[in-house]
Amino acid sequence: MNGLAGARRDRLDAIGEVIPALLWIALLIGAVMTVGFCLLFGLQNKAAHFGMVAVLAALIVLSLLLVRNMEYQGGR
């Protein structure tokens, strides 16, 4: 059993604790494209459209912050 735990620890150490910059770029571009795509389709009620886009943008920001916080969780 100690061998399995050691192998797992070695795999986790090999992965590293930092999300690659290329993945962050992809996440941010995807977020901008998603919000931009939503802006292409307007509703007659501008307030409702703004609210829906704002909620989507907030969800994306919170998701990215969650990913960032999980990256620096400190311990394993």
PDB file of N, CA and C in Angstrom:
ATOM      1  N   MET A   1       0.818  -1.189   0.000  1.00  0.00           N
ATOM      2  CA  MET A   1       0.000   0.000   0.000  1.00  0.00           C
ATOM      3  C   MET A   1       0.866   1.259   0.000  1.00  0.00           C
ATOM      4  N   ASN A   2       1.990   1.231   0.691  1.00  0.00           N
ATOM      5  CA  ASN A   2       2.881   2.381   0.715  1.00  0.00           C
ATOM      6  C   ASN A   2       3.438   2.677  -0.668  1.00  0.00           C
ATOM      7  N   GLY A   3       3.638   1.610  -1.464  1.00  0.00           N
ATOM      8  CA  GLY A   3       4.130   1.794  -2.826  1.00  0.00           C
ATOM      9  C   GLY A   3       3.131   2.541  -3.686  1.00  0.00           C
ATOM     10  N   LEU A   4       1.840   2.236  -3.511  1.00  0.00           N
ATOM     11  CA  LEU A   4       0.795   2.932  -4.268  1.00  0.00           C
ATOM     12  C   LEU A   4       0.720   4.393  -3.866  1.00  0.00           C
ATOM     13  N   ALA A   5       0.814   4.657  -2.570  1.00  0.00           N
ATOM     14  CA  ALA A   5       0.767   6.047  -2.103  1.00  0.00           C
ATOM     15  C   ALA A   5       1.975   6.818  -2.608  1.00  0.00           C
ATOM     16  N   GLY A   6       3.130   6.185  -2.618  1.00  0.00           N
ATOM     17  CA  GLY A   6       4.336   6.841  -3.119  1.00  0.00           C
ATOM     18  C   GLY A   6       4.244   7.130  -4.606  1.00  0.00           C
ATOM     19  N   ALA A   7       3.688   6.181  -5.367  1.00  0.00           N
ATOM     20  CA  ALA A   7       3.525   6.380  -6.809  1.00  0.00           C
ATOM     21  C   ALA A   7       2.558   7.521  -7.086  1.00  0.00           C
ATOM     22  N   ARG A   8       1.489   7.608  -6.304  1.00  0.00           N
ATOM     23  CA  ARG A   8       0.532   8.702  -6.479  1.00  0.00           C
ATOM     24  C   ARG A   8       1.196  10.039  -6.170  1.00  0.00           C
ATOM     25  N   ARG A   9       1.953  10.074  -5.093  1.00  0.00           N
ATOM     26  CA  ARG A   9       2.652  11.304  -4.720  1.00  0.00           C
ATOM     27  C   ARG A   9       3.622  11.734  -5.821  1.00  0.00           C
ATOM     28  N   ASP A  10       4.314  10.761  -6.405  1.00  0.00           N
ATOM     29  CA  ASP A  10       5.246  11.072  -7.494  1.00  0.00           C
ATOM     30  C   ASP A  10       4.524  11.634  -8.710  1.00  0.00           C
ATOM     31  N   ARG A  11       3.359  11.069  -9.039  1.00  0.00           N
ATOM     32  CA  ARG A  11       2.579  11.572 -10.184  1.00  0.00           C
ATOM     33  C   ARG A  11       2.100  12.992  -9.927  1.00  0.00           C
ATOM     34  N   LEU A  12       1.628  13.254  -8.704  1.00  0.00           N
ATOM     35  CA  LEU A  12       1.171  14.599  -8.369  1.00  0.00           C
ATOM     36  C   LEU A  12       2.307  15.607  -8.403  1.00  0.00           C
ATOM     37  N   ASP A  13       3.479  15.193  -7.957  1.00  0.00           N
ATOM     38  CA  ASP A  13       4.633  16.095  -8.008  1.00  0.00           C
ATOM     39  C   ASP A  13       5.063  16.366  -9.439  1.00  0.00           C
ATOM     40  N   ALA A  14       4.920  15.377 -10.310  1.00  0.00           N
ATOM     41  CA  ALA A  14       5.320  15.540 -11.711  1.00  0.00           C
ATOM     42  C   ALA A  14       4.383  16.496 -12.453  1.00  0.00           C
ATOM     43  N   ILE A  15       3.139  16.535 -12.042  1.00  0.00           N
ATOM     44  CA  ILE A  15       2.168  17.405 -12.701  1.00  0.00           C
ATOM     45  C   ILE A  15       2.509  18.872 -12.458  1.00  0.00           C
ATOM     46  N   GLY A  16       2.920  19.188 -11.268  1.00  0.00           N
ATOM     47  CA  GLY A  16       3.189  20.580 -10.928  1.00  0.00           C
ATOM     48  C   GLY A  16       1.945  21.240 -10.373  1.00  0.00           C
ATOM     49  N   GLU A  17       2.115  22.471  -9.901  1.00  0.00           N
ATOM     50  CA  GLU A  17       1.006  23.173  -9.264  1.00  0.00           C
ATOM     51  C   GLU A  17       0.505  24.350 -10.075  1.00  0.00           C
ATOM     52  N   VAL A  18       1.080  24.600 -11.213  1.00  0.00           N
ATOM     53  CA  VAL A  18       0.734  25.787 -11.987  1.00  0.00           C
ATOM     54  C   VAL A  18       0.017  25.376 -13.270  1.00  0.00           C
ATOM     55  N   ILE A  19      -1.075  26.049 -13.553  1.00  0.00           N
ATOM     56  CA  ILE A  19      -1.783  25.825 -14.805  1.00  0.00           C
ATOM     57  C   ILE A  19      -0.985  26.536 -15.902  1.00  0.00           C
ATOM     58  N   PRO A  20      -0.703  25.847 -17.001  1.00  0.00           N
ATOM     59  CA  PRO A  20       0.115  26.463 -18.062  1.00  0.00           C
ATOM     60  C   PRO A  20      -0.515  27.743 -18.611  1.00  0.00           C
ATOM     61  N   ALA A  21       0.361  28.663 -19.007  1.00  0.00           N
ATOM     62  CA  ALA A  21      -0.099  29.958 -19.533  1.00  0.00           C
ATOM     63  C   ALA A  21      -0.970  29.771 -20.773  1.00  0.00           C
ATOM     64  N   LEU A  22      -0.653  28.790 -21.594  1.00  0.00           N
ATOM     65  CA  LEU A  22      -1.438  28.550 -22.806  1.00  0.00           C
ATOM     66  C   LEU A  22      -2.876  28.169 -22.458  1.00  0.00           C
ATOM     67  N   LEU A  23      -3.055  27.414 -21.400  1.00  0.00           N
ATOM     68  CA  LEU A  23      -4.409  27.050 -20.977  1.00  0.00           C
ATOM     69  C   LEU A  23      -5.165  28.272 -20.471  1.00  0.00           C
ATOM     70  N   TRP A  24      -4.485  29.162 -19.729  1.00  0.00           N
ATOM     71  CA  TRP A  24      -5.120  30.396 -19.279  1.00  0.00           C
ATOM     72  C   TRP A  24      -5.539  31.257 -20.464  1.00  0.00           C
ATOM     73  N   ILE A  25      -4.682  31.332 -21.480  1.00  0.00           N
ATOM     74  CA  ILE A  25      -5.018  32.113 -22.680  1.00  0.00           C
ATOM     75  C   ILE A  25      -6.258  31.532 -23.346  1.00  0.00           C
ATOM     76  N   ALA A  26      -6.302  30.206 -23.457  1.00  0.00           N
ATOM     77  CA  ALA A  26      -7.465  29.554 -24.072  1.00  0.00           C
ATOM     78  C   ALA A  26      -8.733  29.813 -23.264  1.00  0.00           C
ATOM     79  N   LEU A  27      -8.631  29.752 -21.941  1.00  0.00           N
ATOM     80  CA  LEU A  27      -9.800  30.012 -21.097  1.00  0.00           C
ATOM     81  C   LEU A  27     -10.299  31.445 -21.247  1.00  0.00           C
ATOM     82  N   LEU A  28      -9.383  32.394 -21.264  1.00  0.00           N
ATOM     83  CA  LEU A  28      -9.780  33.798 -21.388  1.00  0.00           C
ATOM     84  C   LEU A  28     -10.357  34.110 -22.765  1.00  0.00           C
ATOM     85  N   ILE A  29      -9.745  33.576 -23.817  1.00  0.00           N
ATOM     86  CA  ILE A  29     -10.293  33.780 -25.166  1.00  0.00           C
ATOM     87  C   ILE A  29     -11.673  33.152 -25.273  1.00  0.00           C
ATOM     88  N   GLY A  30     -11.851  31.979 -24.709  1.00  0.00           N
ATOM     89  CA  GLY A  30     -13.164  31.332 -24.717  1.00  0.00           C
ATOM     90  C   GLY A  30     -14.206  32.149 -23.972  1.00  0.00           C
ATOM     91  N   ALA A  31     -13.802  32.748 -22.864  1.00  0.00           N
ATOM     92  CA  ALA A  31     -14.732  33.579 -22.094  1.00  0.00           C
ATOM     93  C   ALA A  31     -15.158  34.804 -22.891  1.00  0.00           C
ATOM     94  N   VAL A  32     -14.197  35.468 -23.509  1.00  0.00           N
ATOM     95  CA  VAL A  32     -14.507  36.658 -24.312  1.00  0.00           C
ATOM     96  C   VAL A  32     -15.390  36.289 -25.505  1.00  0.00           C
ATOM     97  N   MET A  33     -15.078  35.177 -26.149  1.00  0.00           N
ATOM     98  CA  MET A  33     -15.883  34.745 -27.303  1.00  0.00           C
ATOM     99  C   MET A  33     -17.306  34.400 -26.885  1.00  0.00           C
ATOM    100  N   THR A  34     -17.469  33.781 -25.724  1.00  0.00           N
ATOM    101  CA  THR A  34     -18.804  33.405 -25.257  1.00  0.00           C
ATOM    102  C   THR A  34     -19.654  34.639 -24.985  1.00  0.00           C
ATOM    103  N   VAL A  35     -19.098  35.600 -24.273  1.00  0.00           N
ATOM    104  CA  VAL A  35     -19.858  36.822 -23.984  1.00  0.00           C
ATOM    105  C   VAL A  35     -20.105  37.603 -25.271  1.00  0.00           C
ATOM    106  N   GLY A  36     -19.096  37.687 -26.137  1.00  0.00           N
ATOM    107  CA  GLY A  36     -19.264  38.377 -27.415  1.00  0.00           C
ATOM    108  C   GLY A  36     -20.337  37.746 -28.274  1.00  0.00           C
ATOM    109  N   PHE A  37     -20.395  36.420 -28.285  1.00  0.00           N
ATOM    110  CA  PHE A  37     -21.418  35.721 -29.060  1.00  0.00           C
ATOM    111  C   PHE A  37     -22.810  36.039 -28.530  1.00  0.00           C
ATOM    112  N   CYS A  38     -22.937  36.141 -27.221  1.00  0.00           N
ATOM    113  CA  CYS A  38     -24.242  36.477 -26.632  1.00  0.00           C
ATOM    114  C   CYS A  38     -24.682  37.885 -27.011  1.00  0.00           C
ATOM    115  N   LEU A  39     -23.712  38.778 -27.197  1.00  0.00           N
ATOM    116  CA  LEU A  39     -24.062  40.149 -27.560  1.00  0.00           C
ATOM    117  C   LEU A  39     -24.578  40.251 -28.990  1.00  0.00           C
ATOM    118  N   LEU A  40     -24.288  39.250 -29.817  1.00  0.00           N
ATOM    119  CA  LEU A  40     -24.758  39.271 -31.204  1.00  0.00           C
ATOM    120  C   LEU A  40     -26.263  39.082 -31.311  1.00  0.00           C
ATOM    121  N   PHE A  41     -26.848  38.399 -30.349  1.00  0.00           N
ATOM    122  CA  PHE A  41     -28.265  38.096 -30.389  1.00  0.00           C
ATOM    123  C   PHE A  41     -28.999  38.957 -29.378  1.00  0.00           C
ATOM    124  N   GLY A  42     -29.572  40.016 -29.846  1.00  0.00           N
ATOM    125  CA  GLY A  42     -30.263  40.943 -28.952  1.00  0.00           C
ATOM    126  C   GLY A  42     -31.716  40.563 -28.763  1.00  0.00           C
ATOM    127  N   LEU A  43     -32.263  41.021 -27.677  1.00  0.00           N
ATOM    128  CA  LEU A  43     -33.681  40.872 -27.406  1.00  0.00           C
ATOM    129  C   LEU A  43     -34.338  42.235 -27.583  1.00  0.00           C
ATOM    130  N   GLN A  44     -35.627  42.227 -27.737  1.00  0.00           N
ATOM    131  CA  GLN A  44     -36.325  43.504 -27.844  1.00  0.00           C
ATOM    132  C   GLN A  44     -36.247  44.276 -26.535  1.00  0.00           C
ATOM    133  N   ASN A  45     -36.257  43.550 -25.432  1.00  0.00           N
ATOM    134  CA  ASN A  45     -36.141  44.169 -24.117  1.00  0.00           C
ATOM    135  C   ASN A  45     -34.648  44.275 -23.782  1.00  0.00           C
ATOM    136  N   LYS A  46     -34.108  45.474 -23.911  1.00  0.00           N
ATOM    137  CA  LYS A  46     -32.665  45.687 -23.720  1.00  0.00           C
ATOM    138  C   LYS A  46     -32.235  45.398 -22.277  1.00  0.00           C
ATOM    139  N   ALA A  47     -33.094  45.705 -21.319  1.00  0.00           N
ATOM    140  CA  ALA A  47     -32.741  45.459 -19.915  1.00  0.00           C
ATOM    141  C   ALA A  47     -32.594  43.958 -19.645  1.00  0.00           C
ATOM    142  N   ALA A  48     -33.502  43.162 -20.197  1.00  0.00           N
ATOM    143  CA  ALA A  48     -33.423  41.712 -20.015  1.00  0.00           C
ATOM    144  C   ALA A  48     -32.169  41.158 -20.689  1.00  0.00           C
ATOM    145  N   HIS A  49     -31.857  41.653 -21.874  1.00  0.00           N
ATOM    146  CA  HIS A  49     -30.668  41.200 -22.594  1.00  0.00           C
ATOM    147  C   HIS A  49     -29.410  41.548 -21.808  1.00  0.00           C
ATOM    148  N   PHE A  50     -29.330  42.792 -21.313  1.00  0.00           N
ATOM    149  CA  PHE A  50     -28.179  43.202 -20.520  1.00  0.00           C
ATOM    150  C   PHE A  50     -28.048  42.340 -19.264  1.00  0.00           C
ATOM    151  N   GLY A  51     -29.162  42.064 -18.619  1.00  0.00           N
ATOM    152  CA  GLY A  51     -29.142  41.228 -17.413  1.00  0.00           C
ATOM    153  C   GLY A  51     -28.650  39.819 -17.684  1.00  0.00           C
ATOM    154  N   MET A  52     -29.115  39.228 -18.775  1.00  0.00           N
ATOM    155  CA  MET A  52     -28.690  37.872 -19.112  1.00  0.00           C
ATOM    156  C   MET A  52     -27.205  37.816 -19.449  1.00  0.00           C
ATOM    157  N   VAL A  53     -26.710  38.786 -20.192  1.00  0.00           N
ATOM    158  CA  VAL A  53     -25.292  38.828 -20.540  1.00  0.00           C
ATOM    159  C   VAL A  53     -24.457  39.088 -19.285  1.00  0.00           C
ATOM    160  N   ALA A  54     -24.931  39.946 -18.407  1.00  0.00           N
ATOM    161  CA  ALA A  54     -24.206  40.239 -17.172  1.00  0.00           C
ATOM    162  C   ALA A  54     -24.121  39.009 -16.276  1.00  0.00           C
ATOM    163  N   VAL A  55     -25.203  38.259 -16.177  1.00  0.00           N
ATOM    164  CA  VAL A  55     -25.193  37.037 -15.371  1.00  0.00           C
ATOM    165  C   VAL A  55     -24.231  36.012 -15.969  1.00  0.00           C
ATOM    166  N   LEU A  56     -24.234  35.868 -17.277  1.00  0.00           N
ATOM    167  CA  LEU A  56     -23.309  34.946 -17.930  1.00  0.00           C
ATOM    168  C   LEU A  56     -21.861  35.376 -17.704  1.00  0.00           C
ATOM    169  N   ALA A  57     -21.593  36.661 -17.839  1.00  0.00           N
ATOM    170  CA  ALA A  57     -20.234  37.167 -17.615  1.00  0.00           C
ATOM    171  C   ALA A  57     -19.804  36.934 -16.168  1.00  0.00           C
ATOM    172  N   ALA A  58     -20.704  37.143 -15.222  1.00  0.00           N
ATOM    173  CA  ALA A  58     -20.382  36.916 -13.810  1.00  0.00           C
ATOM    174  C   ALA A  58     -20.088  35.434 -13.554  1.00  0.00           C
ATOM    175  N   LEU A  59     -20.856  34.563 -14.162  1.00  0.00           N
ATOM    176  CA  LEU A  59     -20.622  33.127 -14.017  1.00  0.00           C
ATOM    177  C   LEU A  59     -19.255  32.728 -14.564  1.00  0.00           C
ATOM    178  N   ILE A  60     -18.888  33.289 -15.693  1.00  0.00           N
ATOM    179  CA  ILE A  60     -17.585  32.988 -16.286  1.00  0.00           C
ATOM    180  C   ILE A  60     -16.466  33.515 -15.398  1.00  0.00           C
ATOM    181  N   VAL A  61     -16.605  34.734 -14.895  1.00  0.00           N
ATOM    182  CA  VAL A  61     -15.578  35.311 -14.016  1.00  0.00           C
ATOM    183  C   VAL A  61     -15.436  34.474 -12.749  1.00  0.00           C
ATOM    184  N   LEU A  62     -16.541  34.092 -12.153  1.00  0.00           N
ATOM    185  CA  LEU A  62     -16.477  33.268 -10.947  1.00  0.00           C
ATOM    186  C   LEU A  62     -15.832  31.910 -11.231  1.00  0.00           C
ATOM    187  N   SER A  63     -16.118  31.327 -12.370  1.00  0.00           N
ATOM    188  CA  SER A  63     -15.501  30.048 -12.734  1.00  0.00           C
ATOM    189  C   SER A  63     -13.991  30.194 -12.909  1.00  0.00           C
ATOM    190  N   LEU A  64     -13.561  31.270 -13.567  1.00  0.00           N
ATOM    191  CA  LEU A  64     -12.127  31.493 -13.748  1.00  0.00           C
ATOM    192  C   LEU A  64     -11.436  31.758 -12.407  1.00  0.00           C
ATOM    193  N   LEU A  65     -12.094  32.496 -11.525  1.00  0.00           N
ATOM    194  CA  LEU A  65     -11.528  32.724 -10.195  1.00  0.00           C
ATOM    195  C   LEU A  65     -11.428  31.426  -9.401  1.00  0.00           C
ATOM    196  N   LEU A  66     -12.409  30.563  -9.551  1.00  0.00           N
ATOM    197  CA  LEU A  66     -12.369  29.263  -8.887  1.00  0.00           C
ATOM    198  C   LEU A  66     -11.193  28.433  -9.386  1.00  0.00           C
ATOM    199  N   VAL A  67     -10.986  28.423 -10.700  1.00  0.00           N
ATOM    200  CA  VAL A  67      -9.853  27.697 -11.264  1.00  0.00           C
ATOM    201  C   VAL A  67      -8.549  28.274 -10.731  1.00  0.00           C
ATOM    202  N   ARG A  68      -8.456  29.587 -10.673  1.00  0.00           N
ATOM    203  CA  ARG A  68      -7.229  30.237 -10.173  1.00  0.00           C
ATOM    204  C   ARG A  68      -6.991  29.901  -8.706  1.00  0.00           C
ATOM    205  N   ASN A  69      -8.047  29.922  -7.906  1.00  0.00           N
ATOM    206  CA  ASN A  69      -7.896  29.594  -6.487  1.00  0.00           C
ATOM    207  C   ASN A  69      -7.549  28.130  -6.278  1.00  0.00           C
ATOM    208  N   MET A  70      -8.072  27.254  -7.109  1.00  0.00           N
ATOM    209  CA  MET A  70      -7.734  25.837  -7.002  1.00  0.00           C
ATOM    210  C   MET A  70      -6.276  25.588  -7.379  1.00  0.00           C
ATOM    211  N   GLU A  71      -5.737  26.464  -8.240  1.00  0.00           N
ATOM    212  CA  GLU A  71      -4.353  26.328  -8.647  1.00  0.00           C
ATOM    213  C   GLU A  71      -3.413  26.571  -7.467  1.00  0.00           C
ATOM    214  N   TYR A  72      -3.779  27.453  -6.572  1.00  0.00           N
ATOM    215  CA  TYR A  72      -2.936  27.822  -5.434  1.00  0.00           C
ATOM    216  C   TYR A  72      -3.545  27.357  -4.113  1.00  0.00           C
ATOM    217  N   GLN A  73      -3.983  26.124  -4.064  1.00  0.00           N
ATOM    218  CA  GLN A  73      -4.641  25.667  -2.854  1.00  0.00           C
ATOM    219  C   GLN A  73      -3.668  25.354  -1.725  1.00  0.00           C
ATOM    220  N   GLY A  74      -2.376  25.353  -1.989  1.00  0.00           N
ATOM    221  CA  GLY A  74      -1.399  25.240  -0.908  1.00  0.00           C
ATOM    222  C   GLY A  74      -0.992  23.827  -0.579  1.00  0.00           C
ATOM    223  N   GLY A  75      -1.903  22.963  -0.295  1.00  0.00           N
ATOM    224  CA  GLY A  75      -1.565  21.590   0.061  1.00  0.00           C
ATOM    225  C   GLY A  75      -2.275  20.612  -0.839  1.00  0.00           C
ATOM    226  N   ARG A  76      -1.899  19.378  -0.693  1.00  0.00           N
ATOM    227  CA  ARG A  76      -2.548  18.341  -1.520  1.00  0.00           C
ATOM    228  C   ARG A  76      -3.284  17.382  -0.632  1.00  0.00           C
TER     229      ARG A  76
END
